[in-house]
Amino acid sequence: MRVSSVPAEPRTRSLALAIAALALLAILVAWCAHPICMPLSAADVAEAAKWAPLETRTDRQLHGPIWQRHGDQWYQCKSWISRQFFF
C-alpha cells in the first residue's frame, strides 16, 4: 500500500529548496538589520541634546540603543537599511 503519490526524490528536493530559501531570507534580514555606528561631532551632540540629553534617551532599534557612548565619544547606531534610506 502506497501512502503518497509523490515520489520521495522530488519531495526531498522541494524541502531542500524551501530550507535554502528560508536561510537566504534570514541572511538578508540579518544583513539589513545589522548596526552601523557613526561617531558624532561635538556640534552634532549639541544639536541632538536640544531635544533631550542623550544620556536619558531611550530610542531603540533591533540591535539596541540608537545613542551610545563609548569612552568620551558619542555614536548614533542605526540599522544598515535605515542608514541607506534615512541617513
N, C-alpha and C. Protein backbone atom coordinates (compact mmCIF):
# COMPACT_ATOMS: atom_id res chain seq x y z
N MET A 1 0.83 -1.17 0.00
CA MET A 1 0.00 0.00 0.00
C MET A 1 0.88 1.25 0.00
N ARG A 2 0.66 2.11 -0.94
CA ARG A 2 1.43 3.33 -1.09
C ARG A 2 0.68 4.49 -0.42
N VAL A 3 1.39 5.26 0.42
CA VAL A 3 0.76 6.34 1.18
C VAL A 3 0.66 7.62 0.35
N SER A 4 1.72 7.95 -0.38
CA SER A 4 1.75 9.19 -1.14
C SER A 4 2.01 8.89 -2.61
N SER A 5 1.40 9.71 -3.46
CA SER A 5 1.61 9.52 -4.88
C SER A 5 2.84 10.30 -5.38
N VAL A 6 3.45 11.15 -4.51
CA VAL A 6 4.61 11.92 -4.89
C VAL A 6 5.86 11.10 -4.57
N PRO A 7 6.73 10.91 -5.54
CA PRO A 7 7.96 10.18 -5.26
C PRO A 7 8.82 10.92 -4.22
N ALA A 8 9.62 10.18 -3.48
CA ALA A 8 10.42 10.75 -2.40
C ALA A 8 11.44 11.76 -2.91
N GLU A 9 12.05 11.53 -4.05
CA GLU A 9 13.11 12.41 -4.54
C GLU A 9 12.62 13.84 -4.80
N PRO A 10 11.52 14.07 -5.54
CA PRO A 10 11.05 15.45 -5.73
C PRO A 10 10.64 16.12 -4.42
N ARG A 11 10.09 15.36 -3.48
CA ARG A 11 9.69 15.92 -2.20
C ARG A 11 10.93 16.38 -1.43
N THR A 12 11.98 15.58 -1.47
CA THR A 12 13.23 15.94 -0.81
C THR A 12 13.85 17.18 -1.45
N ARG A 13 13.79 17.24 -2.75
CA ARG A 13 14.32 18.41 -3.46
C ARG A 13 13.52 19.66 -3.10
N SER A 14 12.22 19.56 -3.03
CA SER A 14 11.38 20.70 -2.67
C SER A 14 11.66 21.17 -1.25
N LEU A 15 11.85 20.22 -0.35
CA LEU A 15 12.17 20.57 1.04
C LEU A 15 13.52 21.26 1.11
N ALA A 16 14.51 20.77 0.37
CA ALA A 16 15.83 21.39 0.35
C ALA A 16 15.76 22.81 -0.21
N LEU A 17 14.98 23.02 -1.25
CA LEU A 17 14.82 24.35 -1.82
C LEU A 17 14.13 25.30 -0.84
N ALA A 18 13.13 24.80 -0.14
CA ALA A 18 12.41 25.62 0.84
C ALA A 18 13.34 26.02 1.98
N ILE A 19 14.16 25.09 2.45
CA ILE A 19 15.10 25.40 3.53
C ILE A 19 16.15 26.40 3.05
N ALA A 20 16.63 26.23 1.83
CA ALA A 20 17.62 27.17 1.27
C ALA A 20 17.01 28.57 1.13
N ALA A 21 15.77 28.64 0.69
CA ALA A 21 15.10 29.94 0.54
C ALA A 21 14.92 30.62 1.90
N LEU A 22 14.54 29.86 2.92
CA LEU A 22 14.39 30.43 4.26
C LEU A 22 15.73 30.90 4.82
N ALA A 23 16.79 30.12 4.57
CA ALA A 23 18.12 30.52 5.03
C ALA A 23 18.56 31.80 4.34
N LEU A 24 18.32 31.91 3.04
CA LEU A 24 18.67 33.12 2.30
C LEU A 24 17.89 34.32 2.82
N LEU A 25 16.63 34.14 3.11
CA LEU A 25 15.81 35.22 3.66
C LEU A 25 16.33 35.65 5.03
N ALA A 26 16.70 34.69 5.87
CA ALA A 26 17.23 35.02 7.20
C ALA A 26 18.54 35.80 7.08
N ILE A 27 19.39 35.42 6.15
CA ILE A 27 20.66 36.13 5.94
C ILE A 27 20.38 37.55 5.46
N LEU A 28 19.43 37.72 4.56
CA LEU A 28 19.07 39.05 4.06
C LEU A 28 18.54 39.94 5.18
N VAL A 29 17.67 39.41 6.01
CA VAL A 29 17.12 40.19 7.13
C VAL A 29 18.24 40.56 8.10
N ALA A 30 19.12 39.61 8.40
CA ALA A 30 20.23 39.90 9.32
C ALA A 30 21.14 40.98 8.74
N TRP A 31 21.41 40.93 7.45
CA TRP A 31 22.26 41.95 6.82
C TRP A 31 21.60 43.32 6.90
N CYS A 32 20.33 43.39 6.60
CA CYS A 32 19.62 44.68 6.61
C CYS A 32 19.50 45.25 8.02
N ALA A 33 19.48 44.40 9.04
CA ALA A 33 19.29 44.85 10.41
C ALA A 33 20.59 45.09 11.17
N HIS A 34 21.75 44.72 10.62
CA HIS A 34 22.98 44.88 11.41
C HIS A 34 23.28 46.36 11.60
N PRO A 35 23.81 46.71 12.79
CA PRO A 35 24.01 48.13 13.11
C PRO A 35 25.24 48.74 12.45
N ILE A 36 25.09 50.00 12.10
CA ILE A 36 26.18 50.84 11.61
C ILE A 36 26.24 52.03 12.57
N CYS A 37 27.36 52.17 13.26
CA CYS A 37 27.51 53.25 14.24
C CYS A 37 28.42 54.34 13.67
N MET A 38 27.93 55.55 13.68
CA MET A 38 28.68 56.70 13.16
C MET A 38 29.03 57.62 14.34
N PRO A 39 30.29 58.04 14.45
CA PRO A 39 30.65 58.97 15.53
C PRO A 39 29.99 60.33 15.31
N LEU A 40 29.63 60.96 16.41
CA LEU A 40 29.00 62.28 16.35
C LEU A 40 30.03 63.35 16.71
N SER A 41 30.00 64.44 15.98
CA SER A 41 30.87 65.58 16.31
C SER A 41 30.28 66.31 17.51
N ALA A 42 31.05 67.21 18.09
CA ALA A 42 30.55 68.00 19.23
C ALA A 42 29.33 68.81 18.82
N ALA A 43 29.32 69.31 17.59
CA ALA A 43 28.16 70.08 17.10
C ALA A 43 26.93 69.18 16.96
N ASP A 44 27.13 67.96 16.49
CA ASP A 44 26.01 67.01 16.37
C ASP A 44 25.43 66.67 17.74
N VAL A 45 26.31 66.47 18.72
CA VAL A 45 25.86 66.14 20.08
C VAL A 45 25.07 67.32 20.66
N ALA A 46 25.56 68.55 20.47
CA ALA A 46 24.86 69.73 20.97
C ALA A 46 23.50 69.89 20.30
N GLU A 47 23.44 69.64 19.00
CA GLU A 47 22.17 69.73 18.26
C GLU A 47 21.17 68.67 18.74
N ALA A 48 21.64 67.45 18.90
CA ALA A 48 20.77 66.36 19.34
C ALA A 48 20.30 66.56 20.78
N ALA A 49 21.14 67.17 21.60
CA ALA A 49 20.79 67.39 23.01
C ALA A 49 19.76 68.50 23.20
N LYS A 50 19.45 69.26 22.14
CA LYS A 50 18.41 70.30 22.27
C LYS A 50 17.06 69.69 22.61
N TRP A 51 16.80 68.49 22.10
CA TRP A 51 15.50 67.86 22.32
C TRP A 51 15.45 67.16 23.68
N ALA A 52 16.53 66.48 24.02
CA ALA A 52 16.65 65.81 25.32
C ALA A 52 18.10 65.36 25.45
N PRO A 53 18.62 65.33 26.67
CA PRO A 53 20.00 64.87 26.83
C PRO A 53 20.16 63.44 26.29
N LEU A 54 21.26 63.18 25.61
CA LEU A 54 21.47 61.87 25.01
C LEU A 54 21.51 60.77 26.07
N GLU A 55 21.97 61.09 27.27
CA GLU A 55 22.04 60.09 28.33
C GLU A 55 20.67 59.57 28.73
N THR A 56 19.63 60.39 28.55
CA THR A 56 18.29 60.00 29.00
C THR A 56 17.41 59.44 27.88
N ARG A 57 17.89 59.47 26.67
CA ARG A 57 17.07 58.99 25.55
C ARG A 57 16.94 57.47 25.57
N THR A 58 15.77 57.00 25.20
CA THR A 58 15.50 55.56 25.21
C THR A 58 15.19 55.03 23.82
N ASP A 59 15.53 55.78 22.77
CA ASP A 59 15.28 55.34 21.39
C ASP A 59 16.04 54.04 21.16
N ARG A 60 15.36 53.06 20.56
CA ARG A 60 15.98 51.76 20.31
C ARG A 60 15.62 51.24 18.92
N GLN A 61 16.49 50.39 18.41
CA GLN A 61 16.20 49.59 17.22
C GLN A 61 16.43 48.13 17.61
N LEU A 62 16.37 47.23 16.66
CA LEU A 62 16.52 45.80 16.97
C LEU A 62 17.84 45.48 17.67
N HIS A 63 18.90 46.17 17.32
CA HIS A 63 20.23 45.87 17.83
C HIS A 63 20.51 46.49 19.18
N GLY A 64 19.70 47.45 19.62
CA GLY A 64 19.93 48.10 20.90
C GLY A 64 19.70 49.60 20.81
N PRO A 65 20.25 50.34 21.76
CA PRO A 65 20.02 51.79 21.78
C PRO A 65 20.65 52.50 20.59
N ILE A 66 19.99 53.54 20.13
CA ILE A 66 20.49 54.31 18.99
C ILE A 66 21.65 55.20 19.42
N TRP A 67 21.51 55.84 20.57
CA TRP A 67 22.55 56.76 21.06
C TRP A 67 23.43 55.99 22.03
N GLN A 68 24.70 55.82 21.67
CA GLN A 68 25.62 55.06 22.51
C GLN A 68 26.88 55.87 22.76
N ARG A 69 27.37 55.73 23.98
CA ARG A 69 28.61 56.42 24.35
C ARG A 69 29.68 55.38 24.64
N HIS A 70 30.80 55.50 23.97
CA HIS A 70 31.95 54.63 24.19
C HIS A 70 33.13 55.53 24.55
N GLY A 71 33.52 55.50 25.81
CA GLY A 71 34.56 56.41 26.27
C GLY A 71 34.02 57.83 26.28
N ASP A 72 34.72 58.73 25.61
CA ASP A 72 34.28 60.13 25.54
C ASP A 72 33.54 60.44 24.24
N GLN A 73 33.35 59.45 23.40
CA GLN A 73 32.75 59.66 22.07
C GLN A 73 31.31 59.15 22.02
N TRP A 74 30.40 59.97 21.48
CA TRP A 74 29.02 59.56 21.26
C TRP A 74 28.88 59.01 19.84
N TYR A 75 28.04 57.98 19.71
CA TYR A 75 27.76 57.36 18.41
C TYR A 75 26.26 57.27 18.20
N GLN A 76 25.86 57.40 16.94
CA GLN A 76 24.47 57.15 16.57
C GLN A 76 24.47 55.83 15.80
N CYS A 77 23.81 54.82 16.36
CA CYS A 77 23.80 53.49 15.76
C CYS A 77 22.42 53.21 15.17
N LYS A 78 22.41 52.93 13.88
CA LYS A 78 21.17 52.59 13.18
C LYS A 78 21.41 51.34 12.35
N SER A 79 20.33 50.70 11.96
CA SER A 79 20.47 49.52 11.11
C SER A 79 20.98 49.95 9.73
N TRP A 80 21.58 49.00 9.02
CA TRP A 80 22.12 49.28 7.69
C TRP A 80 21.03 49.82 6.77
N ILE A 81 19.86 49.20 6.78
CA ILE A 81 18.78 49.61 5.89
C ILE A 81 18.30 51.02 6.25
N SER A 82 18.28 51.34 7.53
CA SER A 82 17.89 52.67 7.96
C SER A 82 18.89 53.71 7.47
N ARG A 83 20.17 53.40 7.53
CA ARG A 83 21.19 54.32 7.03
C ARG A 83 21.06 54.53 5.52
N GLN A 84 20.68 53.50 4.80
CA GLN A 84 20.57 53.61 3.34
C GLN A 84 19.44 54.54 2.93
N PHE A 85 18.33 54.51 3.67
CA PHE A 85 17.15 55.28 3.26
C PHE A 85 16.93 56.56 4.04
N PHE A 86 17.44 56.63 5.29
CA PHE A 86 17.12 57.79 6.12
C PHE A 86 18.36 58.45 6.72
N PHE A 87 19.52 58.21 6.17
CA PHE A 87 20.79 58.79 6.61
C PHE A 87 21.16 58.27 7.94
